[in-house]
Amino acid sequence: MRCNFLVTIKCRNATFPNIQAVLFDKNGTLEDSEEYLRSLAQRSARMIDAQIPGVGEPLLMAFGVNGNNLDPAGLVSVASRHETEVAAAAYIAETGRGWIESLEIARKALLEAEKYIGQTSSPLFVGSLEILKNLFEAGLKVGILSAADTTEVKEFVKYHKLGDYIQLQMGVDVGGPTKPNPILFLQACEKLGVEPSTTLMVGDSVGDMQMARNAGAAGCIGITWVDKQENVDGADVVINRLDEITVL
């Protein structure tokens, strides 16, 4: 039988005592989704531009895509799917289209782009599986709290066979709160049966840090694979690899 313990987590020069749970973001934290997100942004922008010429380039900039580079702090990297649709629709509406029509064009373009690219989960970052396994075996509760929708989170866990280590698979769904609203973190803790004050957040965006801090989390670990610390402002400690998280 597996028991849950209060353990101490060390990460570089930061130590977090009395930890019972760790919540991870998905995109850009556990999952190397840069190629997929860049392709999704490029494809959907081209499809919208084909209907409304001139929208494609500014829309790509709004998505956070510059050539073949994806901004890890940009729209498609950190926003929920609904927020991405609304942002794209705003650019369409600027051309004089009605709001409902603009939303529908944006929604259809993103859906068609997903179908074209395929929705197979992106690869795990090096160390993702190991850290999830290590934390679970140490007696901690482990969850995923993502800006992606819950269905996508569950597909990710299933595809990478992470179900043995993950006790919570939670995303942002239409009509619900989005990051950085602290209610998401509070809801995740409630579902895990733990207090925010015994729960760490690991993420790659300012939104992850703000959400957890405003919910009273035990601490915030920011990860930046591209070494841009400003992307995780508000973190108690910033790392470049997941294996920098250790259990004492």
Protein backbone atom coordinates (compact mmCIF):
# COMPACT_ATOMS: atom_id res chain seq x y z
CA MET A 1 0.00 0.00 0.00
CA ARG A 2 1.29 3.46 -0.92
CA CYS A 3 1.29 6.13 1.79
CA ASN A 4 1.58 9.89 1.41
CA PHE A 5 4.27 11.63 3.42
CA LEU A 6 5.34 15.19 4.07
CA VAL A 7 8.76 15.40 2.44
CA THR A 8 11.41 18.01 1.76
CA ILE A 9 12.12 19.07 -1.81
CA LYS A 10 15.42 20.69 -2.72
CA CYS A 11 15.97 22.64 -5.90
CA ARG A 12 19.27 24.46 -6.39
CA ASN A 13 19.57 26.79 -3.38
CA ALA A 14 15.91 26.53 -2.38
CA THR A 15 14.50 24.03 0.10
CA PHE A 16 10.78 23.35 0.50
CA PRO A 17 9.88 21.40 3.67
CA ASN A 18 6.60 19.65 4.50
CA ILE A 19 5.54 19.02 0.90
CA GLN A 20 2.70 16.63 0.17
CA ALA A 21 2.00 17.27 -3.53
CA VAL A 22 3.58 18.68 -6.69
CA LEU A 23 1.59 20.09 -9.62
CA PHE A 24 3.16 20.36 -13.07
CA ASP A 25 2.21 22.41 -16.09
CA LYS A 26 2.22 20.35 -19.31
CA ASN A 27 3.23 22.33 -22.41
CA GLY A 28 6.79 23.58 -22.11
CA THR A 29 7.30 21.92 -18.73
CA LEU A 30 6.85 18.17 -19.13
CA GLU A 31 6.10 18.14 -22.85
CA ASP A 32 8.37 19.50 -25.60
CA SER A 33 5.49 20.93 -27.61
CA GLU A 34 7.31 23.74 -29.43
CA GLU A 35 7.20 22.15 -32.89
CA TYR A 36 3.53 21.25 -32.59
CA LEU A 37 2.45 24.67 -31.30
CA ARG A 38 4.48 26.51 -33.92
CA SER A 39 2.95 24.37 -36.69
CA LEU A 40 -0.53 24.90 -35.27
CA ALA A 41 -0.06 28.67 -35.22
CA GLN A 42 1.42 28.80 -38.73
CA ARG A 43 -1.22 26.56 -40.29
CA SER A 44 -4.21 28.30 -38.68
CA ALA A 45 -2.83 31.76 -39.54
CA ARG A 46 -2.43 30.71 -43.20
CA MET A 47 -5.98 29.38 -43.29
CA ILE A 48 -7.39 32.59 -41.84
CA ASP A 49 -5.25 34.71 -44.20
CA ALA A 50 -6.63 32.76 -47.16
CA GLN A 51 -10.12 33.99 -46.21
CA ILE A 52 -9.11 37.43 -44.99
CA PRO A 53 -5.89 38.55 -46.72
CA GLY A 54 -3.52 40.57 -44.57
CA VAL A 55 -4.47 39.03 -41.24
CA GLY A 56 -1.92 36.20 -41.31
CA GLU A 57 1.28 38.06 -40.44
CA PRO A 58 0.00 40.14 -37.52
CA LEU A 59 -1.82 37.06 -36.23
CA LEU A 60 1.41 35.06 -36.23
CA MET A 61 3.07 37.82 -34.23
CA ALA A 62 0.20 37.71 -31.75
CA PHE A 63 0.55 33.93 -31.51
CA GLY A 64 4.22 34.40 -30.64
CA VAL A 65 5.70 33.01 -33.86
CA ASN A 66 8.57 34.77 -35.63
CA GLY A 67 9.84 32.74 -38.58
CA ASN A 68 10.65 29.34 -37.14
CA ASN A 69 10.94 30.65 -33.59
CA LEU A 70 8.22 30.25 -31.00
CA ASP A 71 8.10 32.58 -28.00
CA PRO A 72 7.65 30.37 -24.90
CA ALA A 73 5.83 33.30 -23.28
CA GLY A 74 3.64 33.90 -26.34
CA LEU A 75 -0.06 33.33 -26.83
CA VAL A 76 -0.14 29.77 -28.16
CA SER A 77 2.48 28.68 -25.65
CA VAL A 78 0.65 29.73 -22.48
CA ALA A 79 -2.98 30.59 -23.29
CA SER A 80 -5.92 28.23 -23.12
CA ARG A 81 -7.52 27.07 -26.36
CA HIS A 82 -10.52 29.35 -25.81
CA GLU A 83 -8.25 32.36 -25.18
CA THR A 84 -6.38 31.59 -28.41
CA GLU A 85 -9.64 31.49 -30.35
CA VAL A 86 -10.78 34.80 -28.87
CA ALA A 87 -7.44 36.48 -29.63
CA ALA A 88 -7.52 35.26 -33.24
CA ALA A 89 -11.13 36.38 -33.57
CA ALA A 90 -10.18 39.88 -32.40
CA TYR A 91 -7.76 40.24 -35.32
CA ILE A 92 -10.44 39.03 -37.70
CA ALA A 93 -13.02 41.42 -36.23
CA GLU A 94 -10.67 44.35 -36.86
CA THR A 95 -11.31 43.85 -40.58
CA GLY A 96 -15.00 44.61 -40.09
CA ARG A 97 -16.36 41.10 -39.66
CA GLY A 98 -19.03 40.55 -37.02
CA TRP A 99 -17.89 39.10 -33.70
CA ILE A 100 -19.82 35.81 -33.93
CA GLU A 101 -18.58 35.27 -37.47
CA SER A 102 -15.01 36.12 -36.38
CA LEU A 103 -15.15 33.59 -33.55
CA GLU A 104 -16.44 30.90 -35.90
CA ILE A 105 -13.69 31.56 -38.47
CA ALA A 106 -11.03 31.36 -35.76
CA ARG A 107 -12.49 28.20 -34.23
CA LYS A 108 -12.75 26.40 -37.57
CA ALA A 109 -9.22 27.40 -38.60
CA LEU A 110 -7.72 26.04 -35.37
CA LEU A 111 -9.74 22.83 -35.63
CA GLU A 112 -8.72 22.28 -39.25
CA ALA A 113 -5.09 23.02 -38.43
CA GLU A 114 -5.20 20.42 -35.64
CA LYS A 115 -6.65 17.83 -38.01
CA TYR A 116 -4.01 18.58 -40.62
CA ILE A 117 -1.08 18.41 -38.19
CA GLY A 118 -2.44 15.51 -36.15
CA GLN A 119 -2.93 15.54 -32.39
CA THR A 120 -0.37 12.95 -31.32
CA SER A 121 1.27 14.14 -28.12
CA SER A 122 4.66 15.80 -28.41
CA PRO A 123 7.70 14.11 -26.86
CA LEU A 124 8.52 14.39 -23.19
CA PHE A 125 11.39 16.60 -22.16
CA VAL A 126 14.42 14.71 -20.91
CA GLY A 127 13.88 13.86 -17.26
CA SER A 128 10.08 14.22 -17.25
CA LEU A 129 9.31 10.54 -16.70
CA GLU A 130 12.06 10.16 -14.12
CA ILE A 131 10.97 13.10 -11.96
CA LEU A 132 7.33 12.01 -11.98
CA LYS A 133 8.33 8.50 -10.98
CA ASN A 134 10.73 9.71 -8.27
CA LEU A 135 8.18 12.02 -6.67
CA PHE A 136 5.48 9.37 -6.73
CA GLU A 137 7.76 6.76 -5.19
CA ALA A 138 8.70 9.25 -2.46
CA GLY A 139 5.05 9.24 -1.38
CA LEU A 140 4.03 12.56 -2.93
CA LYS A 141 0.81 13.19 -4.80
CA VAL A 142 1.55 14.30 -8.35
CA GLY A 143 -0.76 16.15 -10.72
CA ILE A 144 -0.85 17.99 -14.03
CA LEU A 145 -2.53 21.42 -14.13
CA SER A 146 -2.42 22.68 -17.70
CA ALA A 147 -3.84 25.51 -19.80
CA ALA A 148 -4.68 22.83 -22.38
CA ASP A 149 -8.16 21.32 -22.08
CA THR A 150 -8.69 18.31 -19.83
CA THR A 151 -9.18 15.92 -22.75
CA GLU A 152 -5.76 16.86 -24.13
CA VAL A 153 -4.16 16.38 -20.71
CA LYS A 154 -5.67 12.90 -20.42
CA GLU A 155 -4.51 11.98 -23.93
CA PHE A 156 -1.01 13.16 -23.03
CA VAL A 157 -0.93 10.99 -19.89
CA LYS A 158 -2.29 7.99 -21.77
CA TYR A 159 0.08 8.37 -24.75
CA HIS A 160 3.17 8.54 -22.56
CA LYS A 161 1.91 5.89 -20.10
CA LEU A 162 2.16 8.20 -17.10
CA GLY A 163 -1.03 7.04 -15.42
CA ASP A 164 0.80 5.08 -12.72
CA TYR A 165 2.41 8.29 -11.42
CA ILE A 166 -0.25 10.97 -11.97
CA GLN A 167 -3.15 11.31 -9.55
CA LEU A 168 -4.68 14.43 -11.14
CA GLN A 169 -5.16 15.23 -14.84
CA MET A 170 -6.66 18.70 -15.00
CA GLY A 171 -6.93 21.26 -17.76
CA VAL A 172 -8.74 24.49 -18.57
CA ASP A 173 -12.12 23.92 -20.18
CA VAL A 174 -14.49 26.33 -21.93
CA GLY A 175 -16.48 28.39 -19.47
CA GLY A 176 -14.15 27.68 -16.57
CA PRO A 177 -11.39 29.78 -14.99
CA THR A 178 -8.05 30.11 -16.78
CA LYS A 179 -4.51 30.73 -15.62
CA PRO A 180 -3.43 32.76 -13.68
CA ASN A 181 -6.71 32.57 -11.70
CA PRO A 182 -5.72 31.00 -8.36
CA ILE A 183 -9.03 29.12 -8.18
CA LEU A 184 -7.52 26.57 -10.58
CA PHE A 185 -4.73 25.76 -8.14
CA LEU A 186 -7.18 25.62 -5.23
CA GLN A 187 -9.46 23.28 -7.17
CA ALA A 188 -6.53 21.03 -8.05
CA CYS A 189 -5.44 20.83 -4.41
CA GLU A 190 -8.98 20.04 -3.32
CA LYS A 191 -9.21 17.21 -5.83
CA LEU A 192 -5.91 15.80 -4.59
CA GLY A 193 -6.99 16.15 -0.97
CA VAL A 194 -4.06 18.40 0.01
CA GLU A 195 -3.60 21.95 1.26
CA PRO A 196 -2.09 24.60 -1.05
CA SER A 197 0.46 25.31 1.68
CA THR A 198 1.87 21.78 1.20
CA THR A 199 1.81 21.89 -2.62
CA LEU A 200 4.49 23.01 -5.07
CA MET A 201 3.89 24.33 -8.59
CA VAL A 202 6.32 23.59 -11.43
CA GLY A 203 5.73 25.58 -14.61
CA ASP A 204 7.28 27.56 -17.44
CA SER A 205 5.22 30.76 -17.40
CA VAL A 206 4.52 33.84 -15.32
CA GLY A 207 0.90 32.70 -15.23
CA ASP A 208 1.86 29.47 -13.47
CA MET A 209 3.82 31.42 -10.86
CA GLN A 210 1.11 34.02 -10.25
CA MET A 211 -1.61 31.39 -10.00
CA ALA A 212 0.22 29.30 -7.42
CA ARG A 213 1.54 32.22 -5.38
CA ASN A 214 -1.89 33.86 -5.12
CA ALA A 215 -3.38 30.52 -4.06
CA GLY A 216 -0.94 30.25 -1.15
CA ALA A 217 1.25 27.50 -2.59
CA ALA A 218 4.24 26.16 -0.67
CA GLY A 219 6.46 27.39 -3.48
CA CYS A 220 6.89 28.00 -7.20
CA ILE A 221 9.57 26.32 -9.32
CA GLY A 222 10.04 27.95 -12.70
CA ILE A 223 11.61 25.98 -15.52
CA THR A 224 13.05 27.61 -18.62
CA TRP A 225 14.57 25.25 -21.14
CA VAL A 226 15.64 28.27 -23.20
CA ASP A 227 17.23 30.07 -20.23
CA LYS A 228 14.86 33.08 -20.20
CA GLN A 229 14.28 33.75 -16.53
CA GLU A 230 11.87 36.60 -17.28
CA ASN A 231 9.41 33.96 -18.56
CA VAL A 232 9.00 32.70 -14.99
CA ASP A 233 9.09 35.93 -12.99
CA GLY A 234 7.78 35.29 -9.51
CA ALA A 235 9.36 31.85 -9.13
CA ASP A 236 11.09 31.02 -5.85
CA VAL A 237 13.77 29.20 -7.84
CA VAL A 238 14.48 28.85 -11.57
CA ILE A 239 15.84 25.66 -13.13
CA ASN A 240 16.87 24.53 -16.60
CA ARG A 241 16.32 20.78 -16.14
CA LEU A 242 13.72 18.78 -14.27
CA ASP A 243 16.36 16.59 -12.63
CA GLU A 244 17.33 19.62 -10.54
CA ILE A 245 14.26 18.81 -8.42
CA THR A 246 15.31 16.31 -5.76
CA VAL A 247 13.73 14.69 -2.71
CA LEU A 248 15.74 14.84 0.50
